Each structure stands twice: as C-alpha cells, then as structure tokens.
Amino acid sequence: MTHQLVVGSSPHIHTPDTTRGIMADVLIALAPAAVFGIIWYGWRSAVLIAVCVAACVLFEVISCRVLNHDVTVGDLSAAVTGLLLALNLPSGLPVWMAVIGCFVAIVVVKQMFGGLGHNFVNPAIAARIVLFISFPLQMTTFHRPFSGVSVTQATPLAADAGEFTLKQLLLGDYAGCIGETSVVLLGIGALYLMIRGVIKPVIPVSFIGTVALLTWLTGGQPLVAVCSGGLMLGACFMATDYVTSPVTNWGKLIFGIGCGIVTVVIRSGAAAEGVSFSILFMNLLVPHIDNWTRRKPFGWEAQKHE
C-alpha cells in the first residue's frame, strides 16, 4: 500500500483559537470599562457605544457586499472596532460625528485595504485621529462625572498634578473620554486577556514603562502620565492589535518602547493626543520592525558575493 504525504504551506501548528473567540474575549475585557463609562458619564455614553457598534457592523456588511468581500461581521471584529472607538470618544460628541468615525474605521481603513488582516494601521486609532483633526473642539469637550456639565479641558495631563488624588487617577474620577479613565478596570481587562493568552505583556509593559521612565527623567509626574491621556486603553487594547503590531517578541519590545518615546515627545509639546499618534506612527513601521527582528530559518546562510 502506498501512502501519499501531502505537505501544505506553513503554519503547521493548529490551535483551537478563532478570530471570533479572540474578539469575544476582547469584548469581555472591555465590558467593565464600558459599563463604568456609562455609569460615570451618563446616558450619552450608552448611546454612543450602541451607535458606534451598530454603525461599524452595518458598514462592515455594506462594504463587504459592495467590494465583493466575504461578509465577516460574524467574527466580531467590527463590533470590537466600534466599541474601542466609542471608548475613545467624549460622551457629549454628536452622534453623526461618531458615525463618520465608524465609516473611516471600517470602510476606509479596513475594507478598502482588503478587510481584516490587511489593514496597515489600527482602524479605531485612525478614526479617532481623523475625528480629532476634523472636530478638535468637540473631541476635547468632556463631561464631568455625574454632573452632565461640559468642560473644555484635557485630561489631568493639562492640569497641575496636585489637583488630582491617587484615588481619582486610578478610578478615573475626572472629565475624560468614555472608557479611557478607569485605570483599575482597564488593568483588570488587560490581565484577563493575558490570562486567556490573547495578548502578551511585552507591548503594554514596555509602552507604559517607557512613558513612566521618560516622564520621570524629564521632571514630570509618572503617575499622572500613566493614568491619563488614554495610555492604559491604548497600550493594552490598541497597540496590541494582532494585525498592526510586530510578530516577534523583540519586535513587540521595540514597538512598545517606540510608542512610549513618541508619546512623551508629543506630550512634551502640550498635546494630550500623544498615545493615538504614537500608535499610528509605529503601526507604519511594523513591516520594517518585523524584517529587522525576523528569525533566520534553520540552516540559513547569507549569500556570499564574489
């Protein structure tokens, strides 16, 4: 009897993990911060979260059909993008602006480049930056917790460090975006993802550690730098995106440190959006980082030129 051995292309390691399962874990991890945002900043937060998730799912279905792609809404990636975008928005942002952000994230950044796995930057980050550049006043007008009062101010980065207690910084008891302020709940969500094996701690630790160290070296307040400006949300849930982050551990370390350096540089210029721009910038360098840190195949030798 003759047996035919068929060898397919790599990878050859099979895993029970699926895109849908991974995205479901991310939704679970973000749930505490989302609920906190709704309680803290009021019903507007619930509306924005619902609208962003629904709009991203709808744009995913429509764009897949128009562009003749497989409809991938069942993998929950569009829902994750919608939730991440919503958590990065002020609760008082007009709904129509949020929908524009959803369109940018799903149609422009994701589907027009081939769909999930082909986008070269994080869709939610790109959408947030587009909204920030297009509507700077609305994107920097926040509601104080429980009050419903709108205030044009940044996070504690724009105020004197002494104005906020440790409890306020950790719990997120200040005006800010819906899901970026509660460091404790975001940390719990990130820990859940690490335990589940969805993300590795390399990028979050190197990103946050670099920001804290450089802030301290430049005479700033490391605790304020870490607990505000969306650093925890960005480092744990957006910089770790599979598609737009490096593959190797060395690459992840370089990526995280790079994000931290760019964040501090931008923040030193009195701009609180350092986290978003740093992740976007480093996303563009990921192909080069992967090339620099890619492992050489066993038995590989550089070609000698005579």
C-alpha atoms as a PDB file:
ATOM      1  CA  MET A   1       0.000   0.000   0.000  1.00  0.00           C
ATOM      2  CA  THR A   2       1.331   3.406  -0.987  1.00  0.00           C
ATOM      3  CA  HIS A   3       0.733   6.394   1.281  1.00  0.00           C
ATOM      4  CA  GLN A   4       0.970   9.874  -0.158  1.00  0.00           C
ATOM      5  CA  LEU A   5       2.365  12.526   2.130  1.00  0.00           C
ATOM      6  CA  VAL A   6       0.939  15.937   1.394  1.00  0.00           C
ATOM      7  CA  VAL A   7       2.823  18.879   2.868  1.00  0.00           C
ATOM      8  CA  GLY A   8       0.964  22.167   2.892  1.00  0.00           C
ATOM      9  CA  SER A   9       2.314  25.642   3.402  1.00  0.00           C
ATOM     10  CA  SER A  10       3.072  26.930   6.887  1.00  0.00           C
ATOM     11  CA  PRO A  11       1.972  27.419   9.589  1.00  0.00           C
ATOM     12  CA  HIS A  12       1.681  23.790  10.647  1.00  0.00           C
ATOM     13  CA  ILE A  13       0.733  24.407  14.278  1.00  0.00           C
ATOM     14  CA  HIS A  14      -3.000  24.152  14.844  1.00  0.00           C
ATOM     15  CA  THR A  15      -4.781  25.987  17.624  1.00  0.00           C
ATOM     16  CA  PRO A  16      -8.391  25.989  18.789  1.00  0.00           C
ATOM     17  CA  ASP A  17      -8.339  29.803  18.880  1.00  0.00           C
ATOM     18  CA  THR A  18     -10.529  31.548  16.321  1.00  0.00           C
ATOM     19  CA  THR A  19     -10.908  35.176  15.342  1.00  0.00           C
ATOM     20  CA  ARG A  20     -14.414  35.170  16.768  1.00  0.00           C
ATOM     21  CA  GLY A  21     -13.209  33.710  20.067  1.00  0.00           C
ATOM     22  CA  ILE A  22     -10.387  36.241  20.364  1.00  0.00           C
ATOM     23  CA  MET A  23     -12.690  39.158  19.584  1.00  0.00           C
ATOM     24  CA  ALA A  24     -15.230  37.872  22.093  1.00  0.00           C
ATOM     25  CA  ASP A  25     -12.513  37.885  24.748  1.00  0.00           C
ATOM     26  CA  VAL A  26     -11.652  41.493  23.868  1.00  0.00           C
ATOM     27  CA  LEU A  27     -15.307  42.497  24.192  1.00  0.00           C
ATOM     28  CA  ILE A  28     -15.468  40.813  27.591  1.00  0.00           C
ATOM     29  CA  ALA A  29     -12.265  42.542  28.691  1.00  0.00           C
ATOM     30  CA  LEU A  30     -13.593  45.955  27.637  1.00  0.00           C
ATOM     31  CA  ALA A  31     -17.018  45.446  29.235  1.00  0.00           C
ATOM     32  CA  PRO A  32     -16.067  46.699  32.743  1.00  0.00           C
ATOM     33  CA  ALA A  33     -14.624  49.967  31.367  1.00  0.00           C
ATOM     34  CA  ALA A  34     -17.658  50.402  29.107  1.00  0.00           C
ATOM     35  CA  VAL A  35     -20.124  49.903  31.968  1.00  0.00           C
ATOM     36  CA  PHE A  36     -18.068  52.255  34.112  1.00  0.00           C
ATOM     37  CA  GLY A  37     -18.214  54.896  31.368  1.00  0.00           C
ATOM     38  CA  ILE A  38     -21.992  54.617  31.111  1.00  0.00           C
ATOM     39  CA  ILE A  39     -22.432  54.949  34.882  1.00  0.00           C
ATOM     40  CA  TRP A  40     -19.824  57.699  35.220  1.00  0.00           C
ATOM     41  CA  TYR A  41     -20.710  59.901  32.252  1.00  0.00           C
ATOM     42  CA  GLY A  42     -24.405  59.195  31.786  1.00  0.00           C
ATOM     43  CA  TRP A  43     -26.811  58.014  29.120  1.00  0.00           C
ATOM     44  CA  ARG A  44     -24.922  59.776  26.326  1.00  0.00           C
ATOM     45  CA  SER A  45     -22.180  57.187  26.757  1.00  0.00           C
ATOM     46  CA  ALA A  46     -24.623  54.318  26.255  1.00  0.00           C
ATOM     47  CA  VAL A  47     -25.974  55.965  23.108  1.00  0.00           C
ATOM     48  CA  LEU A  48     -22.522  56.492  21.626  1.00  0.00           C
ATOM     49  CA  ILE A  49     -21.430  52.936  22.404  1.00  0.00           C
ATOM     50  CA  ALA A  50     -24.587  51.478  20.851  1.00  0.00           C
ATOM     51  CA  VAL A  51     -24.367  53.721  17.778  1.00  0.00           C
ATOM     52  CA  CYS A  52     -20.669  53.037  17.175  1.00  0.00           C
ATOM     53  CA  VAL A  53     -21.010  49.267  17.458  1.00  0.00           C
ATOM     54  CA  ALA A  54     -24.138  49.204  15.265  1.00  0.00           C
ATOM     55  CA  ALA A  55     -22.651  51.569  12.667  1.00  0.00           C
ATOM     56  CA  CYS A  56     -19.421  49.597  12.403  1.00  0.00           C
ATOM     57  CA  VAL A  57     -21.309  46.340  11.948  1.00  0.00           C
ATOM     58  CA  LEU A  58     -23.590  47.918   9.326  1.00  0.00           C
ATOM     59  CA  PHE A  59     -20.690  49.491   7.423  1.00  0.00           C
ATOM     60  CA  GLU A  60     -18.916  46.129   7.504  1.00  0.00           C
ATOM     61  CA  VAL A  61     -21.865  44.338   5.906  1.00  0.00           C
ATOM     62  CA  ILE A  62     -22.449  47.019   3.261  1.00  0.00           C
ATOM     63  CA  SER A  63     -18.787  47.448   2.315  1.00  0.00           C
ATOM     64  CA  CYS A  64     -18.212  43.686   2.127  1.00  0.00           C
ATOM     65  CA  ARG A  65     -21.089  43.330  -0.312  1.00  0.00           C
ATOM     66  CA  VAL A  66     -20.133  46.375  -2.386  1.00  0.00           C
ATOM     67  CA  LEU A  67     -16.448  45.378  -2.580  1.00  0.00           C
ATOM     68  CA  ASN A  68     -17.321  41.715  -3.152  1.00  0.00           C
ATOM     69  CA  HIS A  69     -15.587  40.549   0.021  1.00  0.00           C
ATOM     70  CA  ASP A  70     -16.755  37.726   2.235  1.00  0.00           C
ATOM     71  CA  VAL A  71     -19.109  39.141   4.866  1.00  0.00           C
ATOM     72  CA  THR A  72     -17.011  38.872   8.013  1.00  0.00           C
ATOM     73  CA  VAL A  73     -19.334  40.524  10.507  1.00  0.00           C
ATOM     74  CA  GLY A  74     -19.671  37.213  12.342  1.00  0.00           C
ATOM     75  CA  ASP A  75     -16.055  37.333  13.526  1.00  0.00           C
ATOM     76  CA  LEU A  76     -16.986  40.243  15.856  1.00  0.00           C
ATOM     77  CA  SER A  77     -14.030  42.372  14.690  1.00  0.00           C
ATOM     78  CA  ALA A  78     -16.343  45.182  13.569  1.00  0.00           C
ATOM     79  CA  ALA A  79     -18.058  45.159  16.977  1.00  0.00           C
ATOM     80  CA  VAL A  80     -14.667  45.405  18.700  1.00  0.00           C
ATOM     81  CA  THR A  81     -13.680  48.339  16.474  1.00  0.00           C
ATOM     82  CA  GLY A  82     -16.952  50.102  17.255  1.00  0.00           C
ATOM     83  CA  LEU A  83     -16.574  49.602  20.999  1.00  0.00           C
ATOM     84  CA  LEU A  84     -12.935  50.721  21.010  1.00  0.00           C
ATOM     85  CA  LEU A  85     -13.791  53.836  19.033  1.00  0.00           C
ATOM     86  CA  ALA A  86     -16.675  54.675  21.352  1.00  0.00           C
ATOM     87  CA  LEU A  87     -14.496  54.311  24.440  1.00  0.00           C
ATOM     88  CA  ASN A  88     -12.071  56.805  22.880  1.00  0.00           C
ATOM     89  CA  LEU A  89     -14.756  59.477  22.425  1.00  0.00           C
ATOM     90  CA  PRO A  90     -16.152  62.145  24.763  1.00  0.00           C
ATOM     91  CA  SER A  91     -19.678  61.279  25.886  1.00  0.00           C
ATOM     92  CA  GLY A  92     -21.026  64.559  24.516  1.00  0.00           C
ATOM     93  CA  LEU A  93     -19.765  64.067  20.954  1.00  0.00           C
ATOM     94  CA  PRO A  94     -22.612  64.440  18.412  1.00  0.00           C
ATOM     95  CA  VAL A  95     -23.746  61.064  17.125  1.00  0.00           C
ATOM     96  CA  TRP A  96     -23.268  61.988  13.465  1.00  0.00           C
ATOM     97  CA  MET A  97     -19.590  62.687  14.106  1.00  0.00           C
ATOM     98  CA  ALA A  98     -19.191  59.276  15.705  1.00  0.00           C
ATOM     99  CA  VAL A  99     -20.792  57.679  12.632  1.00  0.00           C
ATOM    100  CA  ILE A 100     -18.226  59.428  10.432  1.00  0.00           C
ATOM    101  CA  GLY A 101     -15.535  57.884  12.584  1.00  0.00           C
ATOM    102  CA  CYS A 102     -17.100  54.450  12.134  1.00  0.00           C
ATOM    103  CA  PHE A 103     -17.137  54.935   8.359  1.00  0.00           C
ATOM    104  CA  VAL A 104     -13.455  55.866   8.358  1.00  0.00           C
ATOM    105  CA  ALA A 105     -12.540  52.903  10.559  1.00  0.00           C
ATOM    106  CA  ILE A 106     -14.439  50.182   8.702  1.00  0.00           C
ATOM    107  CA  VAL A 107     -14.771  51.327   5.093  1.00  0.00           C
ATOM    108  CA  VAL A 108     -11.644  53.420   4.535  1.00  0.00           C
ATOM    109  CA  VAL A 109      -9.046  51.873   6.838  1.00  0.00           C
ATOM    110  CA  LYS A 110     -10.218  48.248   6.936  1.00  0.00           C
ATOM    111  CA  GLN A 111     -12.291  47.155   3.946  1.00  0.00           C
ATOM    112  CA  MET A 112     -10.717  49.331   1.241  1.00  0.00           C
ATOM    113  CA  PHE A 113      -7.388  47.702   2.051  1.00  0.00           C
ATOM    114  CA  GLY A 114      -8.752  44.175   1.817  1.00  0.00           C
ATOM    115  CA  GLY A 115     -10.561  43.565   5.098  1.00  0.00           C
ATOM    116  CA  LEU A 116      -9.438  42.034   8.372  1.00  0.00           C
ATOM    117  CA  GLY A 117      -5.759  41.173   8.330  1.00  0.00           C
ATOM    118  CA  HIS A 118      -4.868  43.623   5.553  1.00  0.00           C
ATOM    119  CA  ASN A 119      -5.266  46.994   7.267  1.00  0.00           C
ATOM    120  CA  PHE A 120      -1.875  48.570   7.960  1.00  0.00           C
ATOM    121  CA  VAL A 121      -3.000  50.759  10.862  1.00  0.00           C
ATOM    122  CA  ASN A 122      -5.448  50.206  13.715  1.00  0.00           C
ATOM    123  CA  PRO A 123      -8.906  51.239  12.419  1.00  0.00           C
ATOM    124  CA  ALA A 124     -10.152  52.695  15.709  1.00  0.00           C
ATOM    125  CA  ILE A 125      -6.953  54.712  16.207  1.00  0.00           C
ATOM    126  CA  ALA A 126      -7.102  56.094  12.662  1.00  0.00           C
ATOM    127  CA  ALA A 127     -10.761  57.038  13.106  1.00  0.00           C
ATOM    128  CA  ARG A 128     -10.066  58.793  16.409  1.00  0.00           C
ATOM    129  CA  ILE A 129      -7.279  60.849  14.842  1.00  0.00           C
ATOM    130  CA  VAL A 130      -9.445  61.809  11.866  1.00  0.00           C
ATOM    131  CA  LEU A 131     -12.179  62.964  14.247  1.00  0.00           C
ATOM    132  CA  PHE A 132      -9.667  64.836  16.411  1.00  0.00           C
ATOM    133  CA  ILE A 133      -8.244  66.704  13.418  1.00  0.00           C
ATOM    134  CA  SER A 134     -11.668  67.366  11.899  1.00  0.00           C
ATOM    135  CA  PHE A 135     -13.544  68.307  15.082  1.00  0.00           C
ATOM    136  CA  PRO A 136     -10.933  69.394  17.671  1.00  0.00           C
ATOM    137  CA  LEU A 137     -13.359  71.358  19.865  1.00  0.00           C
ATOM    138  CA  GLN A 138     -15.918  68.567  20.149  1.00  0.00           C
ATOM    139  CA  MET A 139     -13.187  65.966  20.710  1.00  0.00           C
ATOM    140  CA  THR A 140     -11.738  67.934  23.644  1.00  0.00           C
ATOM    141  CA  THR A 141     -15.022  68.876  25.332  1.00  0.00           C
ATOM    142  CA  PHE A 142     -15.738  66.393  28.094  1.00  0.00           C
ATOM    143  CA  HIS A 143     -18.452  65.843  30.709  1.00  0.00           C
ATOM    144  CA  ARG A 144     -17.610  65.793  34.373  1.00  0.00           C
ATOM    145  CA  PRO A 145     -18.689  62.563  36.117  1.00  0.00           C
ATOM    146  CA  PHE A 146     -22.359  62.547  37.178  1.00  0.00           C
ATOM    147  CA  SER A 147     -22.785  66.265  36.511  1.00  0.00           C
ATOM    148  CA  GLY A 148     -23.575  66.305  32.806  1.00  0.00           C
ATOM    149  CA  VAL A 149     -21.661  69.600  32.693  1.00  0.00           C
ATOM    150  CA  SER A 150     -19.486  70.054  29.603  1.00  0.00           C
ATOM    151  CA  VAL A 151     -15.994  71.390  30.162  1.00  0.00           C
ATOM    152  CA  THR A 152     -13.389  72.206  27.541  1.00  0.00           C
ATOM    153  CA  GLN A 153     -10.309  70.685  29.080  1.00  0.00           C
ATOM    154  CA  ALA A 154      -7.927  67.833  28.575  1.00  0.00           C
ATOM    155  CA  THR A 155      -7.248  65.007  30.987  1.00  0.00           C
ATOM    156  CA  PRO A 156      -5.070  65.574  34.092  1.00  0.00           C
ATOM    157  CA  LEU A 157      -2.127  65.989  31.705  1.00  0.00           C
ATOM    158  CA  ALA A 158      -3.303  69.573  31.140  1.00  0.00           C
ATOM    159  CA  ALA A 159      -3.722  70.375  34.825  1.00  0.00           C
ATOM    160  CA  ASP A 160      -1.452  70.614  37.845  1.00  0.00           C
ATOM    161  CA  ALA A 161      -0.703  67.139  39.193  1.00  0.00           C
ATOM    162  CA  GLY A 162      -1.710  68.203  42.681  1.00  0.00           C
ATOM    163  CA  GLU A 163      -5.292  68.784  41.576  1.00  0.00           C
ATOM    164  CA  PHE A 164      -5.968  65.042  41.448  1.00  0.00           C
ATOM    165  CA  THR A 165      -5.613  62.467  44.197  1.00  0.00           C
ATOM    166  CA  LEU A 166      -4.300  58.937  43.690  1.00  0.00           C
ATOM    167  CA  LYS A 167      -7.840  57.611  44.069  1.00  0.00           C
ATOM    168  CA  GLN A 168      -9.161  59.947  41.376  1.00  0.00           C
ATOM    169  CA  LEU A 169      -6.400  58.977  38.970  1.00  0.00           C
ATOM    170  CA  LEU A 170      -6.849  55.237  39.473  1.00  0.00           C
ATOM    171  CA  LEU A 171     -10.653  55.244  39.408  1.00  0.00           C
ATOM    172  CA  GLY A 172     -10.970  57.824  36.650  1.00  0.00           C
ATOM    173  CA  ASP A 173     -12.863  60.389  38.686  1.00  0.00           C
ATOM    174  CA  TYR A 174     -12.321  63.263  36.272  1.00  0.00           C
ATOM    175  CA  ALA A 175     -13.568  64.546  32.930  1.00  0.00           C
ATOM    176  CA  GLY A 176     -12.392  62.429  30.033  1.00  0.00           C
ATOM    177  CA  CYS A 177     -13.357  60.033  27.262  1.00  0.00           C
ATOM    178  CA  ILE A 178     -15.893  57.307  27.968  1.00  0.00           C
ATOM    179  CA  GLY A 179     -13.579  54.374  28.529  1.00  0.00           C
ATOM    180  CA  GLU A 180     -10.075  55.717  28.998  1.00  0.00           C
ATOM    181  CA  THR A 181     -10.144  56.982  32.581  1.00  0.00           C
ATOM    182  CA  SER A 182     -10.597  53.943  34.830  1.00  0.00           C
ATOM    183  CA  VAL A 183      -7.077  52.535  35.054  1.00  0.00           C
ATOM    184  CA  VAL A 184      -8.149  49.821  37.502  1.00  0.00           C
ATOM    185  CA  LEU A 185     -10.875  48.383  35.271  1.00  0.00           C
ATOM    186  CA  LEU A 186      -8.721  48.639  32.154  1.00  0.00           C
ATOM    187  CA  GLY A 187      -5.956  46.835  34.025  1.00  0.00           C
ATOM    188  CA  ILE A 188      -8.350  44.057  35.036  1.00  0.00           C
ATOM    189  CA  GLY A 189      -9.450  43.710  31.415  1.00  0.00           C
ATOM    190  CA  ALA A 190      -5.838  43.560  30.204  1.00  0.00           C
ATOM    191  CA  LEU A 191      -4.993  40.942  32.835  1.00  0.00           C
ATOM    192  CA  TYR A 192      -7.932  38.851  31.628  1.00  0.00           C
ATOM    193  CA  LEU A 193      -6.591  38.963  28.060  1.00  0.00           C
ATOM    194  CA  MET A 194      -3.137  37.958  29.237  1.00  0.00           C
ATOM    195  CA  ILE A 195      -4.502  35.018  31.223  1.00  0.00           C
ATOM    196  CA  ARG A 196      -6.518  33.942  28.200  1.00  0.00           C
ATOM    197  CA  GLY A 197      -3.399  34.199  26.053  1.00  0.00           C
ATOM    198  CA  VAL A 198      -4.955  36.775  23.744  1.00  0.00           C
ATOM    199  CA  ILE A 199      -2.183  39.319  24.302  1.00  0.00           C
ATOM    200  CA  LYS A 200       1.351  39.196  25.671  1.00  0.00           C
ATOM    201  CA  PRO A 201       2.545  41.702  28.278  1.00  0.00           C
ATOM    202  CA  VAL A 202       5.536  42.821  26.196  1.00  0.00           C
ATOM    203  CA  ILE A 203       3.901  45.760  24.396  1.00  0.00           C
ATOM    204  CA  PRO A 204       1.812  47.117  27.319  1.00  0.00           C
ATOM    205  CA  VAL A 205       4.680  46.857  29.822  1.00  0.00           C
ATOM    206  CA  SER A 206       7.301  48.380  27.501  1.00  0.00           C
ATOM    207  CA  PHE A 207       4.905  51.125  26.331  1.00  0.00           C
ATOM    208  CA  ILE A 208       3.727  52.139  29.798  1.00  0.00           C
ATOM    209  CA  GLY A 209       7.163  51.655  31.361  1.00  0.00           C
ATOM    210  CA  THR A 210       8.838  53.865  28.755  1.00  0.00           C
ATOM    211  CA  VAL A 211       6.307  56.646  29.281  1.00  0.00           C
ATOM    212  CA  ALA A 212       6.716  56.458  33.065  1.00  0.00           C
ATOM    213  CA  LEU A 213      10.526  56.418  32.908  1.00  0.00           C
ATOM    214  CA  LEU A 214      10.883  59.251  30.405  1.00  0.00           C
ATOM    215  CA  THR A 215       8.302  61.358  32.223  1.00  0.00           C
ATOM    216  CA  TRP A 216      10.243  60.920  35.466  1.00  0.00           C
ATOM    217  CA  LEU A 217      13.577  61.715  33.767  1.00  0.00           C
ATOM    218  CA  THR A 218      12.134  64.916  32.301  1.00  0.00           C
ATOM    219  CA  GLY A 219      10.796  66.088  35.659  1.00  0.00           C
ATOM    220  CA  GLY A 220       7.155  65.170  35.134  1.00  0.00           C
ATOM    221  CA  GLN A 221       4.701  63.128  37.174  1.00  0.00           C
ATOM    222  CA  PRO A 222       4.883  59.441  36.093  1.00  0.00           C
ATOM    223  CA  LEU A 223       1.619  58.514  37.827  1.00  0.00           C
ATOM    224  CA  VAL A 224      -0.291  61.251  36.019  1.00  0.00           C
ATOM    225  CA  ALA A 225       1.328  60.289  32.717  1.00  0.00           C
ATOM    226  CA  VAL A 226       0.364  56.636  33.107  1.00  0.00           C
ATOM    227  CA  CYS A 227      -3.161  57.136  34.449  1.00  0.00           C
ATOM    228  CA  SER A 228      -4.365  59.733  31.938  1.00  0.00           C
ATOM    229  CA  GLY A 229      -4.358  60.597  28.276  1.00  0.00           C
ATOM    230  CA  GLY A 230      -5.744  57.198  27.277  1.00  0.00           C
ATOM    231  CA  LEU A 231      -2.413  55.446  27.880  1.00  0.00           C
ATOM    232  CA  MET A 232      -3.828  52.308  29.516  1.00  0.00           C
ATOM    233  CA  LEU A 233      -6.547  51.888  26.891  1.00  0.00           C
ATOM    234  CA  GLY A 234      -4.120  52.457  24.046  1.00  0.00           C
ATOM    235  CA  ALA A 235      -1.283  50.339  25.387  1.00  0.00           C
ATOM    236  CA  CYS A 236      -3.362  47.337  26.427  1.00  0.00           C
ATOM    237  CA  PHE A 237      -6.123  47.202  23.822  1.00  0.00           C
ATOM    238  CA  MET A 238      -4.995  49.066  20.692  1.00  0.00           C
ATOM    239  CA  ALA A 239      -1.220  48.813  20.463  1.00  0.00           C
ATOM    240  CA  THR A 240      -1.588  45.033  20.933  1.00  0.00           C
ATOM    241  CA  ASP A 241      -3.762  44.599  17.833  1.00  0.00           C
ATOM    242  CA  TYR A 242      -2.606  41.413  16.067  1.00  0.00           C
ATOM    243  CA  VAL A 243      -2.714  42.852  12.564  1.00  0.00           C
ATOM    244  CA  THR A 244      -0.865  46.106  13.212  1.00  0.00           C
ATOM    245  CA  SER A 245       1.743  45.045  15.790  1.00  0.00           C
ATOM    246  CA  PRO A 246       5.007  43.096  15.293  1.00  0.00           C
ATOM    247  CA  VAL A 247       5.133  39.311  15.322  1.00  0.00           C
ATOM    248  CA  THR A 248       8.327  38.616  17.283  1.00  0.00           C
ATOM    249  CA  ASN A 249       8.893  39.376  20.968  1.00  0.00           C
ATOM    250  CA  TRP A 250      11.881  41.590  20.138  1.00  0.00           C
ATOM    251  CA  GLY A 251       9.714  43.393  17.627  1.00  0.00           C
ATOM    252  CA  LYS A 252       6.988  43.886  20.208  1.00  0.00           C
ATOM    253  CA  LEU A 253       9.556  45.320  22.637  1.00  0.00           C
ATOM    254  CA  ILE A 254      10.857  47.775  20.037  1.00  0.00           C
ATOM    255  CA  PHE A 255       7.297  48.679  19.109  1.00  0.00           C
ATOM    256  CA  GLY A 256       6.271  49.336  22.729  1.00  0.00           C
ATOM    257  CA  ILE A 257       9.360  51.410  23.502  1.00  0.00           C
ATOM    258  CA  GLY A 258       8.870  53.364  20.284  1.00  0.00           C
ATOM    259  CA  CYS A 259       5.250  54.099  21.185  1.00  0.00           C
ATOM    260  CA  GLY A 260       6.357  55.302  24.609  1.00  0.00           C
ATOM    261  CA  ILE A 261       9.058  57.600  23.226  1.00  0.00           C
ATOM    262  CA  VAL A 262       6.771  59.165  20.624  1.00  0.00           C
ATOM    263  CA  THR A 263       4.020  59.623  23.222  1.00  0.00           C
ATOM    264  CA  VAL A 264       6.308  61.530  25.588  1.00  0.00           C
ATOM    265  CA  VAL A 265       7.734  63.649  22.758  1.00  0.00           C
ATOM    266  CA  ILE A 266       4.256  64.664  21.594  1.00  0.00           C
ATOM    267  CA  ARG A 267       3.040  65.282  25.134  1.00  0.00           C
ATOM    268  CA  SER A 268       6.041  67.497  25.801  1.00  0.00           C
ATOM    269  CA  GLY A 269       4.646  69.803  23.144  1.00  0.00           C
ATOM    270  CA  ALA A 270       1.461  70.273  25.224  1.00  0.00           C
ATOM    271  CA  ALA A 271      -0.570  67.850  23.077  1.00  0.00           C
ATOM    272  CA  ALA A 272      -2.572  65.252  25.001  1.00  0.00           C
ATOM    273  CA  GLU A 273      -3.125  63.051  21.924  1.00  0.00           C
ATOM    274  CA  GLY A 274       0.323  61.504  22.147  1.00  0.00           C
ATOM    275  CA  VAL A 275      -0.938  57.943  22.582  1.00  0.00           C
ATOM    276  CA  SER A 276      -3.089  57.885  19.441  1.00  0.00           C
ATOM    277  CA  PHE A 277      -0.466  59.449  17.188  1.00  0.00           C
ATOM    278  CA  SER A 278       2.322  57.277  18.603  1.00  0.00           C
ATOM    279  CA  ILE A 279       0.439  54.043  17.892  1.00  0.00           C
ATOM    280  CA  LEU A 280      -0.436  55.220  14.378  1.00  0.00           C
ATOM    281  CA  PHE A 281       3.177  56.180  13.687  1.00  0.00           C
ATOM    282  CA  MET A 282       4.560  52.880  14.979  1.00  0.00           C
ATOM    283  CA  ASN A 283       1.912  50.935  13.022  1.00  0.00           C
ATOM    284  CA  LEU A 284       3.528  52.302   9.868  1.00  0.00           C
ATOM    285  CA  LEU A 285       6.922  50.956  10.969  1.00  0.00           C
ATOM    286  CA  VAL A 286       5.713  47.434  11.789  1.00  0.00           C
ATOM    287  CA  PRO A 287       6.755  45.873   8.425  1.00  0.00           C
ATOM    288  CA  HIS A 288      10.284  47.204   8.938  1.00  0.00           C
ATOM    289  CA  ILE A 289      10.389  46.090  12.576  1.00  0.00           C
ATOM    290  CA  ASP A 290       9.291  42.598  11.525  1.00  0.00           C
ATOM    291  CA  ASN A 291      12.051  42.492   8.912  1.00  0.00           C
ATOM    292  CA  TRP A 292      14.676  43.602  11.434  1.00  0.00           C
ATOM    293  CA  THR A 293      13.651  41.074  14.070  1.00  0.00           C
ATOM    294  CA  ARG A 294      12.583  38.129  11.927  1.00  0.00           C
ATOM    295  CA  ARG A 295      14.277  34.888  12.910  1.00  0.00           C
ATOM    296  CA  LYS A 296      16.510  33.268  10.323  1.00  0.00           C
ATOM    297  CA  PRO A 297      15.381  29.795   9.153  1.00  0.00           C
ATOM    298  CA  PHE A 298      17.430  26.867  10.468  1.00  0.00           C
ATOM    299  CA  GLY A 299      20.445  26.306   8.253  1.00  0.00           C
ATOM    300  CA  TRP A 300      20.135  29.704   6.587  1.00  0.00           C
ATOM    301  CA  GLU A 301      23.314  31.383   5.426  1.00  0.00           C
ATOM    302  CA  ALA A 302      23.750  34.765   3.831  1.00  0.00           C
ATOM    303  CA  GLN A 303      24.624  34.559   0.151  1.00  0.00           C
ATOM    304  CA  LYS A 304      28.264  35.247  -0.477  1.00  0.00           C
ATOM    305  CA  HIS A 305      29.082  37.662  -3.254  1.00  0.00           C
ATOM    306  CA  GLU A 306      32.280  37.053  -5.193  1.00  0.00           C
END
